[in-house]
């Protein structure tokens, strides 16, 4: 499944509140939707998306609206107002099955691949004030001769709390990065995150401008990709790989390409993300900022930023490119 069907998207966006209800929505449908929204907002539900239904621990070929939960509970232990329906329908009456999958609680991935030189994708990096993650790539910006490190906002910019121009260390502070000897870049740009109960965020991404004195240490290769770098949208069933600071070179499989969930950032609050890619678990703390690559084609598909015991999440790469207005450098 390369794209989520239109009526699935409609149902998901109605439940999370992105879409306003159509003027011709009937009173019973509105009441029904409000009941589903109440169940979705219960403390045990962490996200919603579209994936293939699992029955008796075996995957099926039935696409379903999937509710992701901290812990899967028997129905007799769930309050009636928090029971999730076994089927849902769009405003025009198209019915779809639902599924419930346990993922645990998602959190930003930040705790090795450590080196001082060369500066390259897959290795430890951090803001001098923040947590340690992974360099995604060396990139460029139109009209600029500088080169930039791409990673997550919560890695390079302390989720927007760090000052523009603040020091970026390679390796990161968790890996004994020293501001006097390991200063390689300065924070240049960070995509703002909007906290609250709306699902409006698309990427957790930031850039750091490499110091002129360190450009000779840059290596532009990205694990798993070819040359020139090609891009693709993630698809359900896609086998993906990444190289990250903590877990190194690992592989997973995309299970949902319209994943909506909330993520808590210290000092910022809870931020709702829309249309993310959810995978089987293949990352650990400290892998944030890793680039995700289609294992079969070598196409670049995403920027990893969050994980739980039940799954890993990445931003689709096109959203990252558009948000930061970057291109991938080869020299």
C-alpha atoms as a PDB file:
ATOM      1  CA  UNK A   1       0.000   0.000   0.000  1.00  0.00           C
ATOM      2  CA  UNK A   2       1.796   3.117  -1.249  1.00  0.00           C
ATOM      3  CA  UNK A   3      -0.949   5.562  -0.225  1.00  0.00           C
ATOM      4  CA  UNK A   4      -3.677   5.533   2.393  1.00  0.00           C
ATOM      5  CA  UNK A   5      -7.124   5.337   0.703  1.00  0.00           C
ATOM      6  CA  UNK A   6      -9.040   8.614   0.679  1.00  0.00           C
ATOM      7  CA  UNK A   7     -11.918   7.406   2.872  1.00  0.00           C
ATOM      8  CA  UNK A   8      -9.431   6.071   5.450  1.00  0.00           C
ATOM      9  CA  UNK A   9      -7.756   9.492   5.557  1.00  0.00           C
ATOM     10  CA  UNK A  10     -11.157  11.140   6.024  1.00  0.00           C
ATOM     11  CA  UNK A  11     -12.018   8.913   8.989  1.00  0.00           C
ATOM     12  CA  UNK A  12      -8.622   9.410  10.659  1.00  0.00           C
ATOM     13  CA  UNK A  13      -8.695  13.175  10.244  1.00  0.00           C
ATOM     14  CA  UNK A  14     -12.236  13.389  11.554  1.00  0.00           C
ATOM     15  CA  UNK A  15     -11.293  11.428  14.666  1.00  0.00           C
ATOM     16  CA  UNK A  16      -8.174  13.462  15.479  1.00  0.00           C
ATOM     17  CA  UNK A  17      -9.973  16.726  14.692  1.00  0.00           C
ATOM     18  CA  UNK A  18      -7.956  17.894  11.670  1.00  0.00           C
ATOM     19  CA  UNK A  19     -11.041  17.955   9.433  1.00  0.00           C
ATOM     20  CA  UNK A  20     -14.128  19.999  10.166  1.00  0.00           C
ATOM     21  CA  UNK A  21     -17.248  17.907   9.760  1.00  0.00           C
ATOM     22  CA  UNK A  22     -19.064  18.370   6.482  1.00  0.00           C
ATOM     23  CA  UNK A  23     -22.184  20.532   6.582  1.00  0.00           C
ATOM     24  CA  UNK A  24     -24.294  17.585   5.424  1.00  0.00           C
ATOM     25  CA  UNK A  25     -23.128  15.286   8.249  1.00  0.00           C
ATOM     26  CA  UNK A  26     -26.157  13.810   9.984  1.00  0.00           C
ATOM     27  CA  UNK A  27     -26.827  14.234  13.698  1.00  0.00           C
ATOM     28  CA  UNK A  28     -26.420  10.467  14.360  1.00  0.00           C
ATOM     29  CA  UNK A  29     -23.053  10.461  12.553  1.00  0.00           C
ATOM     30  CA  UNK A  30     -21.846  13.469  14.555  1.00  0.00           C
ATOM     31  CA  UNK A  31     -22.903  11.787  17.816  1.00  0.00           C
ATOM     32  CA  UNK A  32     -21.213   8.552  16.745  1.00  0.00           C
ATOM     33  CA  UNK A  33     -18.003  10.416  15.838  1.00  0.00           C
ATOM     34  CA  UNK A  34     -17.947  12.231  19.179  1.00  0.00           C
ATOM     35  CA  UNK A  35     -18.161   8.876  20.957  1.00  0.00           C
ATOM     36  CA  UNK A  36     -15.194   7.561  18.956  1.00  0.00           C
ATOM     37  CA  UNK A  37     -13.239  10.759  19.683  1.00  0.00           C
ATOM     38  CA  UNK A  38     -13.828  10.256  23.421  1.00  0.00           C
ATOM     39  CA  UNK A  39     -12.415   6.728  23.214  1.00  0.00           C
ATOM     40  CA  UNK A  40      -9.465   7.952  21.124  1.00  0.00           C
ATOM     41  CA  UNK A  41      -8.582  10.555  23.773  1.00  0.00           C
ATOM     42  CA  UNK A  42      -8.443   8.000  26.580  1.00  0.00           C
ATOM     43  CA  UNK A  43      -5.092   7.789  28.354  1.00  0.00           C
ATOM     44  CA  UNK A  44      -4.263   4.334  26.972  1.00  0.00           C
ATOM     45  CA  UNK A  45      -4.465   5.363  23.282  1.00  0.00           C
ATOM     46  CA  UNK A  46      -1.235   6.808  21.847  1.00  0.00           C
ATOM     47  CA  UNK A  47      -2.026   7.093  18.132  1.00  0.00           C
ATOM     48  CA  UNK A  48      -4.120   6.226  15.086  1.00  0.00           C
ATOM     49  CA  UNK A  49      -3.344   5.289  11.503  1.00  0.00           C
ATOM     50  CA  UNK A  50      -3.961   2.727   8.764  1.00  0.00           C
ATOM     51  CA  UNK A  51      -2.286  -0.680   8.677  1.00  0.00           C
ATOM     52  CA  UNK A  52      -3.077  -4.274   7.830  1.00  0.00           C
ATOM     53  CA  UNK A  53      -5.185  -6.015  10.440  1.00  0.00           C
ATOM     54  CA  UNK A  54      -3.624  -8.665  12.653  1.00  0.00           C
ATOM     55  CA  UNK A  55      -5.726 -11.648  13.733  1.00  0.00           C
ATOM     56  CA  UNK A  56      -4.434 -14.132  16.326  1.00  0.00           C
ATOM     57  CA  UNK A  57      -0.957 -12.549  15.995  1.00  0.00           C
ATOM     58  CA  UNK A  58      -0.899 -13.167  12.243  1.00  0.00           C
ATOM     59  CA  UNK A  59      -1.044 -10.377   9.628  1.00  0.00           C
ATOM     60  CA  UNK A  60      -3.931 -10.369   7.168  1.00  0.00           C
ATOM     61  CA  UNK A  61      -4.464  -8.541   3.865  1.00  0.00           C
ATOM     62  CA  UNK A  62      -7.337  -6.485   5.325  1.00  0.00           C
ATOM     63  CA  UNK A  63      -6.506  -2.793   5.631  1.00  0.00           C
ATOM     64  CA  UNK A  64      -7.895  -1.327   8.850  1.00  0.00           C
ATOM     65  CA  UNK A  65      -8.069   1.872  10.856  1.00  0.00           C
ATOM     66  CA  UNK A  66      -5.572   1.036  13.595  1.00  0.00           C
ATOM     67  CA  UNK A  67      -5.629   2.382  17.144  1.00  0.00           C
ATOM     68  CA  UNK A  68      -2.233   2.175  18.857  1.00  0.00           C
ATOM     69  CA  UNK A  69      -2.281   1.733  22.622  1.00  0.00           C
ATOM     70  CA  UNK A  70       0.136   1.697  25.553  1.00  0.00           C
ATOM     71  CA  UNK A  71      -1.179  -1.709  26.592  1.00  0.00           C
ATOM     72  CA  UNK A  72      -3.736  -3.966  24.938  1.00  0.00           C
ATOM     73  CA  UNK A  73      -6.447  -4.836  27.471  1.00  0.00           C
ATOM     74  CA  UNK A  74      -9.346  -7.322  27.434  1.00  0.00           C
ATOM     75  CA  UNK A  75     -12.660  -5.603  26.699  1.00  0.00           C
ATOM     76  CA  UNK A  76     -14.043  -6.411  30.171  1.00  0.00           C
ATOM     77  CA  UNK A  77     -11.309  -4.242  31.714  1.00  0.00           C
ATOM     78  CA  UNK A  78     -12.100  -1.161  29.617  1.00  0.00           C
ATOM     79  CA  UNK A  79     -14.642   1.469  30.635  1.00  0.00           C
ATOM     80  CA  UNK A  80     -17.614   1.529  28.283  1.00  0.00           C
ATOM     81  CA  UNK A  81     -16.892   5.095  27.113  1.00  0.00           C
ATOM     82  CA  UNK A  82     -13.329   4.057  26.165  1.00  0.00           C
ATOM     83  CA  UNK A  83     -14.248   0.985  24.110  1.00  0.00           C
ATOM     84  CA  UNK A  84     -12.985   1.291  20.551  1.00  0.00           C
ATOM     85  CA  UNK A  85     -15.431   0.223  17.818  1.00  0.00           C
ATOM     86  CA  UNK A  86     -14.799  -2.886  15.745  1.00  0.00           C
ATOM     87  CA  UNK A  87     -15.878  -1.008  12.601  1.00  0.00           C
ATOM     88  CA  UNK A  88     -15.979   2.630  11.502  1.00  0.00           C
ATOM     89  CA  UNK A  89     -17.697   4.431   8.666  1.00  0.00           C
ATOM     90  CA  UNK A  90     -16.991   7.553   6.635  1.00  0.00           C
ATOM     91  CA  UNK A  91     -19.605  10.269   6.180  1.00  0.00           C
ATOM     92  CA  UNK A  92     -20.727   8.669   2.904  1.00  0.00           C
ATOM     93  CA  UNK A  93     -21.269   5.351   4.711  1.00  0.00           C
ATOM     94  CA  UNK A  94     -18.203   3.375   3.577  1.00  0.00           C
ATOM     95  CA  UNK A  95     -17.389   0.917   6.365  1.00  0.00           C
ATOM     96  CA  UNK A  96     -13.900  -0.193   7.395  1.00  0.00           C
ATOM     97  CA  UNK A  97     -12.578  -2.607   9.994  1.00  0.00           C
ATOM     98  CA  UNK A  98     -10.551  -1.433  12.975  1.00  0.00           C
ATOM     99  CA  UNK A  99      -7.635  -2.990  14.814  1.00  0.00           C
ATOM    100  CA  UNK A 100      -5.849  -2.343  18.110  1.00  0.00           C
ATOM    101  CA  UNK A 101      -2.062  -2.763  18.361  1.00  0.00           C
ATOM    102  CA  UNK A 102       0.149  -2.377  21.402  1.00  0.00           C
ATOM    103  CA  UNK A 103       3.165  -0.097  20.937  1.00  0.00           C
ATOM    104  CA  UNK A 104       3.882   1.288  24.401  1.00  0.00           C
ATOM    105  CA  UNK A 105       4.615   4.996  24.905  1.00  0.00           C
ATOM    106  CA  UNK A 106       6.551   6.855  22.215  1.00  0.00           C
ATOM    107  CA  UNK A 107       9.359   9.243  23.105  1.00  0.00           C
ATOM    108  CA  UNK A 108      12.122  11.057  21.224  1.00  0.00           C
ATOM    109  CA  UNK A 109      15.117   8.763  20.560  1.00  0.00           C
ATOM    110  CA  UNK A 110      18.191  10.258  22.247  1.00  0.00           C
ATOM    111  CA  UNK A 111      20.878   8.101  24.307  1.00  0.00           C
ATOM    112  CA  UNK A 112      27.379   4.296  19.932  1.00  0.00           C
ATOM    113  CA  UNK A 113      28.719   5.208  16.842  1.00  0.00           C
ATOM    114  CA  UNK A 114      31.217   7.817  18.085  1.00  0.00           C
ATOM    115  CA  UNK A 115      34.122   9.449  16.298  1.00  0.00           C
ATOM    116  CA  UNK A 116      35.831  12.823  15.951  1.00  0.00           C
ATOM    117  CA  UNK A 117      36.614  12.482  12.232  1.00  0.00           C
ATOM    118  CA  UNK A 118      35.280  12.228   9.611  1.00  0.00           C
ATOM    119  CA  UNK A 119      31.974  14.045  10.125  1.00  0.00           C
ATOM    120  CA  UNK A 120      29.407  11.774   8.495  1.00  0.00           C
ATOM    121  CA  UNK A 121      25.893  10.375   8.487  1.00  0.00           C
ATOM    122  CA  UNK A 122      25.059   7.898  11.259  1.00  0.00           C
ATOM    123  CA  UNK A 123      27.341   9.180  14.025  1.00  0.00           C
ATOM    124  CA  UNK A 124      26.947  10.956  17.383  1.00  0.00           C
ATOM    125  CA  UNK A 125      26.068  14.680  17.464  1.00  0.00           C
ATOM    126  CA  UNK A 126      24.329  17.156  19.781  1.00  0.00           C
ATOM    127  CA  UNK A 127      23.758  20.763  20.682  1.00  0.00           C
ATOM    128  CA  UNK A 128      26.041  21.824  23.512  1.00  0.00           C
ATOM    129  CA  UNK A 129      22.901  22.251  25.672  1.00  0.00           C
ATOM    130  CA  UNK A 130      20.903  19.230  24.537  1.00  0.00           C
ATOM    131  CA  UNK A 131      20.643  15.471  24.223  1.00  0.00           C
ATOM    132  CA  UNK A 132      22.735  13.337  21.901  1.00  0.00           C
ATOM    133  CA  UNK A 133      21.435  11.891  18.641  1.00  0.00           C
ATOM    134  CA  UNK A 134      22.623  11.094  15.123  1.00  0.00           C
ATOM    135  CA  UNK A 135      23.819  13.065  12.099  1.00  0.00           C
ATOM    136  CA  UNK A 136      21.365  12.410   9.273  1.00  0.00           C
ATOM    137  CA  UNK A 137      23.273  13.851   6.338  1.00  0.00           C
ATOM    138  CA  UNK A 138      25.420  16.666   4.996  1.00  0.00           C
ATOM    139  CA  UNK A 139      23.124  18.986   3.018  1.00  0.00           C
ATOM    140  CA  UNK A 140      23.121  22.327   1.217  1.00  0.00           C
ATOM    141  CA  UNK A 141      20.735  25.253   0.750  1.00  0.00           C
ATOM    142  CA  UNK A 142      20.006  27.142  -2.453  1.00  0.00           C
ATOM    143  CA  UNK A 143      22.201  30.207  -2.871  1.00  0.00           C
ATOM    144  CA  UNK A 144      24.490  29.222   0.012  1.00  0.00           C
ATOM    145  CA  UNK A 145      28.031  27.892  -0.260  1.00  0.00           C
ATOM    146  CA  UNK A 146      27.965  26.468   3.275  1.00  0.00           C
ATOM    147  CA  UNK A 147      27.334  22.841   4.163  1.00  0.00           C
ATOM    148  CA  UNK A 148      24.893  21.859   6.902  1.00  0.00           C
ATOM    149  CA  UNK A 149      24.308  18.940   9.255  1.00  0.00           C
ATOM    150  CA  UNK A 150      20.749  17.586   9.113  1.00  0.00           C
ATOM    151  CA  UNK A 151      19.218  15.960  12.178  1.00  0.00           C
ATOM    152  CA  UNK A 152      16.194  16.365  14.461  1.00  0.00           C
ATOM    153  CA  UNK A 153      15.202  19.560  16.215  1.00  0.00           C
ATOM    154  CA  UNK A 154      15.366  17.781  19.567  1.00  0.00           C
ATOM    155  CA  UNK A 155      18.978  16.813  18.773  1.00  0.00           C
ATOM    156  CA  UNK A 156      20.438  19.987  17.214  1.00  0.00           C
ATOM    157  CA  UNK A 157      18.119  22.658  18.629  1.00  0.00           C
ATOM    158  CA  UNK A 158      16.948  21.260  21.982  1.00  0.00           C
ATOM    159  CA  UNK A 159      13.436  21.189  20.419  1.00  0.00           C
ATOM    160  CA  UNK A 160      13.593  24.894  19.552  1.00  0.00           C
ATOM    161  CA  UNK A 161      14.829  26.005  22.966  1.00  0.00           C
ATOM    162  CA  UNK A 162      18.471  26.439  21.913  1.00  0.00           C
ATOM    163  CA  UNK A 163      19.662  29.766  20.507  1.00  0.00           C
ATOM    164  CA  UNK A 164      20.490  30.199  16.839  1.00  0.00           C
ATOM    165  CA  UNK A 165      24.277  30.150  16.585  1.00  0.00           C
ATOM    166  CA  UNK A 166      24.729  27.816  19.560  1.00  0.00           C
ATOM    167  CA  UNK A 167      27.515  25.231  19.402  1.00  0.00           C
ATOM    168  CA  UNK A 168      27.025  21.815  17.800  1.00  0.00           C
ATOM    169  CA  UNK A 169      29.382  19.102  19.021  1.00  0.00           C
ATOM    170  CA  UNK A 170      30.571  15.976  17.165  1.00  0.00           C
ATOM    171  CA  UNK A 171      30.547  13.625  19.019  1.00  0.00           C
ATOM    172  CA  UNK A 172      27.665  14.755  21.227  1.00  0.00           C
ATOM    173  CA  UNK A 173      27.779  15.696  24.890  1.00  0.00           C
ATOM    174  CA  UNK A 174      26.675  12.228  26.052  1.00  0.00           C
ATOM    175  CA  UNK A 175      29.741  10.814  24.299  1.00  0.00           C
ATOM    176  CA  UNK A 176      32.141  13.251  25.982  1.00  0.00           C
ATOM    177  CA  UNK A 177      31.988  15.833  23.218  1.00  0.00           C
ATOM    178  CA  UNK A 178      34.074  18.836  24.292  1.00  0.00           C
ATOM    179  CA  UNK A 179      33.073  22.410  23.326  1.00  0.00           C
ATOM    180  CA  UNK A 180      36.760  23.331  22.981  1.00  0.00           C
ATOM    181  CA  UNK A 181      37.844  20.484  20.696  1.00  0.00           C
ATOM    182  CA  UNK A 182      34.649  18.998  19.176  1.00  0.00           C
ATOM    183  CA  UNK A 183      32.812  22.130  18.043  1.00  0.00           C
ATOM    184  CA  UNK A 184      31.983  21.467  14.370  1.00  0.00           C
ATOM    185  CA  UNK A 185      28.933  23.620  13.533  1.00  0.00           C
ATOM    186  CA  UNK A 186      26.474  26.249  14.748  1.00  0.00           C
ATOM    187  CA  UNK A 187      22.703  25.932  14.916  1.00  0.00           C
ATOM    188  CA  UNK A 188      21.221  27.531  11.801  1.00  0.00           C
ATOM    189  CA  UNK A 189      17.540  26.607  11.523  1.00  0.00           C
ATOM    190  CA  UNK A 190      14.898  24.542  13.296  1.00  0.00           C
ATOM    191  CA  UNK A 191      11.329  23.790  12.204  1.00  0.00           C
ATOM    192  CA  UNK A 192       9.059  25.111  14.989  1.00  0.00           C
ATOM    193  CA  UNK A 193       6.931  22.542  16.802  1.00  0.00           C
ATOM    194  CA  UNK A 194       3.394  23.430  17.864  1.00  0.00           C
ATOM    195  CA  UNK A 195       2.346  21.965  21.229  1.00  0.00           C
ATOM    196  CA  UNK A 196      -1.278  21.192  22.041  1.00  0.00           C
ATOM    197  CA  UNK A 197      -3.991  18.714  21.190  1.00  0.00           C
ATOM    198  CA  UNK A 198      -3.984  19.400  17.429  1.00  0.00           C
ATOM    199  CA  UNK A 199      -2.160  17.170  14.955  1.00  0.00           C
ATOM    200  CA  UNK A 200      -0.424  19.865  12.914  1.00  0.00           C
ATOM    201  CA  UNK A 201       3.281  18.968  13.121  1.00  0.00           C
ATOM    202  CA  UNK A 202       4.910  17.315  10.123  1.00  0.00           C
ATOM    203  CA  UNK A 203       8.628  17.102  10.965  1.00  0.00           C
ATOM    204  CA  UNK A 204      11.108  17.168  13.847  1.00  0.00           C
ATOM    205  CA  UNK A 205      14.055  18.601  11.924  1.00  0.00           C
ATOM    206  CA  UNK A 206      16.876  21.139  12.162  1.00  0.00           C
ATOM    207  CA  UNK A 207      20.081  22.275  10.447  1.00  0.00           C
ATOM    208  CA  UNK A 208      23.518  23.276  11.733  1.00  0.00           C
ATOM    209  CA  UNK A 209      26.011  25.203   9.578  1.00  0.00           C
ATOM    210  CA  UNK A 210      29.401  23.488   9.457  1.00  0.00           C
ATOM    211  CA  UNK A 211      32.346  25.674  10.502  1.00  0.00           C
ATOM    212  CA  UNK A 212      34.719  26.579   7.662  1.00  0.00           C
ATOM    213  CA  UNK A 213      37.562  25.057   9.676  1.00  0.00           C
ATOM    214  CA  UNK A 214      35.806  21.651   9.673  1.00  0.00           C
ATOM    215  CA  UNK A 215      34.556  21.348   6.069  1.00  0.00           C
ATOM    216  CA  UNK A 216      37.629  19.283   5.192  1.00  0.00           C
ATOM    217  CA  UNK A 217      36.426  16.630   7.641  1.00  0.00           C
ATOM    218  CA  UNK A 218      33.092  16.049   5.877  1.00  0.00           C
ATOM    219  CA  UNK A 219      32.165  12.703   4.318  1.00  0.00           C
ATOM    220  CA  UNK A 220      28.973  12.695   2.243  1.00  0.00           C
ATOM    221  CA  UNK A 221      28.099   8.983   1.973  1.00  0.00           C
ATOM    222  CA  UNK A 222      24.740   7.854   3.411  1.00  0.00           C
ATOM    223  CA  UNK A 223      24.395   4.242   4.521  1.00  0.00           C
ATOM    224  CA  UNK A 224      22.293   2.179   2.105  1.00  0.00           C
ATOM    225  CA  UNK A 225      21.898   4.798  -0.633  1.00  0.00           C
ATOM    226  CA  UNK A 226      23.390   5.004  -4.096  1.00  0.00           C
ATOM    227  CA  UNK A 227      24.673   7.910  -6.157  1.00  0.00           C
ATOM    228  CA  UNK A 228      22.966  10.120  -7.091  1.00  0.00           C
ATOM    229  CA  UNK A 229      20.625   9.995  -4.094  1.00  0.00           C
ATOM    230  CA  UNK A 230      17.037   9.195  -5.049  1.00  0.00           C
ATOM    231  CA  UNK A 231      13.929   9.774  -2.945  1.00  0.00           C
ATOM    232  CA  UNK A 232      10.663   7.892  -2.496  1.00  0.00           C
ATOM    233  CA  UNK A 233       7.550   7.950  -0.350  1.00  0.00           C
ATOM    234  CA  UNK A 234       7.310   5.250   2.324  1.00  0.00           C
ATOM    235  CA  UNK A 235       4.880   2.392   1.650  1.00  0.00           C
ATOM    236  CA  UNK A 236       3.323  -0.221   3.907  1.00  0.00           C
ATOM    237  CA  UNK A 237       5.385  -3.415   3.700  1.00  0.00           C
ATOM    238  CA  UNK A 238       8.570  -1.592   2.650  1.00  0.00           C
ATOM    239  CA  UNK A 239      11.749  -3.026   4.187  1.00  0.00           C
ATOM    240  CA  UNK A 240      13.883  -0.175   5.519  1.00  0.00           C
ATOM    241  CA  UNK A 241      17.368   0.229   6.973  1.00  0.00           C
ATOM    242  CA  UNK A 242      19.243   2.903   8.910  1.00  0.00           C
ATOM    243  CA  UNK A 243      22.546   3.588  10.613  1.00  0.00           C
ATOM    244  CA  UNK A 244      22.252   5.306  13.984  1.00  0.00           C
ATOM    245  CA  UNK A 245      24.467   6.397  16.840  1.00  0.00           C
ATOM    246  CA  UNK A 246      23.249   3.758  19.316  1.00  0.00           C
ATOM    247  CA  UNK A 247      22.033   0.649  17.504  1.00  0.00           C
ATOM    248  CA  UNK A 248      24.215   0.946  14.408  1.00  0.00           C
ATOM    249  CA  UNK A 249      22.971  -0.681  11.190  1.00  0.00           C
ATOM    250  CA  UNK A 250      19.494  -2.191  11.629  1.00  0.00           C
ATOM    251  CA  UNK A 251      16.437  -3.062   9.553  1.00  0.00           C
ATOM    252  CA  UNK A 252      12.661  -2.778  10.012  1.00  0.00           C
ATOM    253  CA  UNK A 253       9.424  -2.808   8.039  1.00  0.00           C
ATOM    254  CA  UNK A 254       6.922   0.012   7.453  1.00  0.00           C
ATOM    255  CA  UNK A 255       3.506  -0.846   8.923  1.00  0.00           C
ATOM    256  CA  UNK A 256       1.593   2.462   8.606  1.00  0.00           C
ATOM    257  CA  UNK A 257       2.093   5.555   6.417  1.00  0.00           C
ATOM    258  CA  UNK A 258      -0.653   7.730   7.898  1.00  0.00           C
ATOM    259  CA  UNK A 259       0.287   7.472  11.578  1.00  0.00           C
ATOM    260  CA  UNK A 260      -1.060  10.246  13.836  1.00  0.00           C
ATOM    261  CA  UNK A 261       0.274  10.411  17.388  1.00  0.00           C
ATOM    262  CA  UNK A 262       1.429  12.732  20.179  1.00  0.00           C
ATOM    263  CA  UNK A 263       4.970  13.064  21.495  1.00  0.00           C
ATOM    264  CA  UNK A 264       6.071  14.734  24.720  1.00  0.00           C
ATOM    265  CA  UNK A 265       9.116  17.023  24.605  1.00  0.00           C
ATOM    266  CA  UNK A 266      10.671  18.300  27.859  1.00  0.00           C
ATOM    267  CA  UNK A 267      10.278  22.055  28.193  1.00  0.00           C
ATOM    268  CA  UNK A 268       7.950  22.278  25.192  1.00  0.00           C
ATOM    269  CA  UNK A 269       4.965  20.031  25.903  1.00  0.00           C
ATOM    270  CA  UNK A 270       3.012  17.437  23.961  1.00  0.00           C
ATOM    271  CA  UNK A 271       3.053  17.868  20.178  1.00  0.00           C
ATOM    272  CA  UNK A 272       0.690  16.112  17.785  1.00  0.00           C
ATOM    273  CA  UNK A 273       2.170  14.746  14.546  1.00  0.00           C
ATOM    274  CA  UNK A 274       0.212  13.903  11.380  1.00  0.00           C
ATOM    275  CA  UNK A 275       0.930  11.552   8.464  1.00  0.00           C
ATOM    276  CA  UNK A 276       4.082   9.922   9.841  1.00  0.00           C
ATOM    277  CA  UNK A 277       5.557   6.522   8.943  1.00  0.00           C
ATOM    278  CA  UNK A 278       5.419   3.817  11.637  1.00  0.00           C
ATOM    279  CA  UNK A 279       7.737   0.801  11.462  1.00  0.00           C
ATOM    280  CA  UNK A 280       8.424  -2.325  13.409  1.00  0.00           C
ATOM    281  CA  UNK A 281      10.917  -1.516  16.186  1.00  0.00           C
ATOM    282  CA  UNK A 282      14.439  -1.057  14.804  1.00  0.00           C
ATOM    283  CA  UNK A 283      15.828   1.959  16.698  1.00  0.00           C
ATOM    284  CA  UNK A 284      16.963   2.876  20.206  1.00  0.00           C
ATOM    285  CA  UNK A 285      17.670   5.991  22.279  1.00  0.00           C
ATOM    286  CA  UNK A 286      20.291   8.051  20.483  1.00  0.00           C
ATOM    287  CA  UNK A 287      19.271   7.018  16.959  1.00  0.00           C
ATOM    288  CA  UNK A 288      17.201  10.180  16.408  1.00  0.00           C
ATOM    289  CA  UNK A 289      18.270  11.917  13.226  1.00  0.00           C
ATOM    290  CA  UNK A 290      19.116   8.684  11.381  1.00  0.00           C
ATOM    291  CA  UNK A 291      18.123   8.593   7.735  1.00  0.00           C
ATOM    292  CA  UNK A 292      15.769   5.784   6.715  1.00  0.00           C
ATOM    293  CA  UNK A 293      16.383   4.043   3.392  1.00  0.00           C
ATOM    294  CA  UNK A 294      14.377   1.570   1.299  1.00  0.00           C
ATOM    295  CA  UNK A 295      16.447  -1.592   1.600  1.00  0.00           C
ATOM    296  CA  UNK A 296      15.493  -2.904  -1.836  1.00  0.00           C
ATOM    297  CA  UNK A 297      15.994   0.231  -3.959  1.00  0.00           C
ATOM    298  CA  UNK A 298      18.395   2.417  -1.961  1.00  0.00           C
ATOM    299  CA  UNK A 299      15.894   5.273  -2.131  1.00  0.00           C
ATOM    300  CA  UNK A 300      15.913   7.694   0.793  1.00  0.00           C
ATOM    301  CA  UNK A 301      12.487   7.700   2.468  1.00  0.00           C
ATOM    302  CA  UNK A 302      12.674   9.385   5.869  1.00  0.00           C
ATOM    303  CA  UNK A 303      14.230  10.967   8.963  1.00  0.00           C
ATOM    304  CA  UNK A 304      13.841   8.921  12.156  1.00  0.00           C
ATOM    305  CA  UNK A 305      12.780  10.783  15.310  1.00  0.00           C
ATOM    306  CA  UNK A 306      10.841   8.654  17.812  1.00  0.00           C
ATOM    307  CA  UNK A 307      10.420   5.121  19.108  1.00  0.00           C
ATOM    308  CA  UNK A 308       8.719   2.914  21.659  1.00  0.00           C
ATOM    309  CA  UNK A 309       8.943  -0.757  22.528  1.00  0.00           C
ATOM    310  CA  UNK A 310       6.323  -1.383  19.856  1.00  0.00           C
ATOM    311  CA  UNK A 311       7.558   0.715  16.944  1.00  0.00           C
ATOM    312  CA  UNK A 312       9.844   3.324  15.363  1.00  0.00           C
ATOM    313  CA  UNK A 313       8.608   6.499  13.663  1.00  0.00           C
ATOM    314  CA  UNK A 314      10.072   8.648  10.896  1.00  0.00           C
ATOM    315  CA  UNK A 315       9.184  11.839   9.029  1.00  0.00           C
ATOM    316  CA  UNK A 316       8.694  11.254   5.282  1.00  0.00           C
ATOM    317  CA  UNK A 317      11.790  12.719   3.636  1.00  0.00           C
ATOM    318  CA  UNK A 318       9.867  14.945   1.216  1.00  0.00           C
ATOM    319  CA  UNK A 319       8.298  16.746   4.189  1.00  0.00           C
ATOM    320  CA  UNK A 320      11.779  17.349   5.628  1.00  0.00           C
ATOM    321  CA  UNK A 321      13.162  18.648   2.326  1.00  0.00           C
ATOM    322  CA  UNK A 322      10.213  21.011   1.887  1.00  0.00           C
ATOM    323  CA  UNK A 323      10.274  22.296   5.473  1.00  0.00           C
ATOM    324  CA  UNK A 324      13.994  23.141   5.481  1.00  0.00           C
ATOM    325  CA  UNK A 325      14.387  23.883   1.727  1.00  0.00           C
ATOM    326  CA  UNK A 326      17.468  21.683   1.423  1.00  0.00           C
ATOM    327  CA  UNK A 327      19.183  19.493  -1.125  1.00  0.00           C
ATOM    328  CA  UNK A 328      21.538  16.619  -0.443  1.00  0.00           C
ATOM    329  CA  UNK A 329      25.176  17.498  -1.026  1.00  0.00           C
ATOM    330  CA  UNK A 330      27.708  15.165  -2.634  1.00  0.00           C
ATOM    331  CA  UNK A 331      30.803  17.329  -2.090  1.00  0.00           C
END
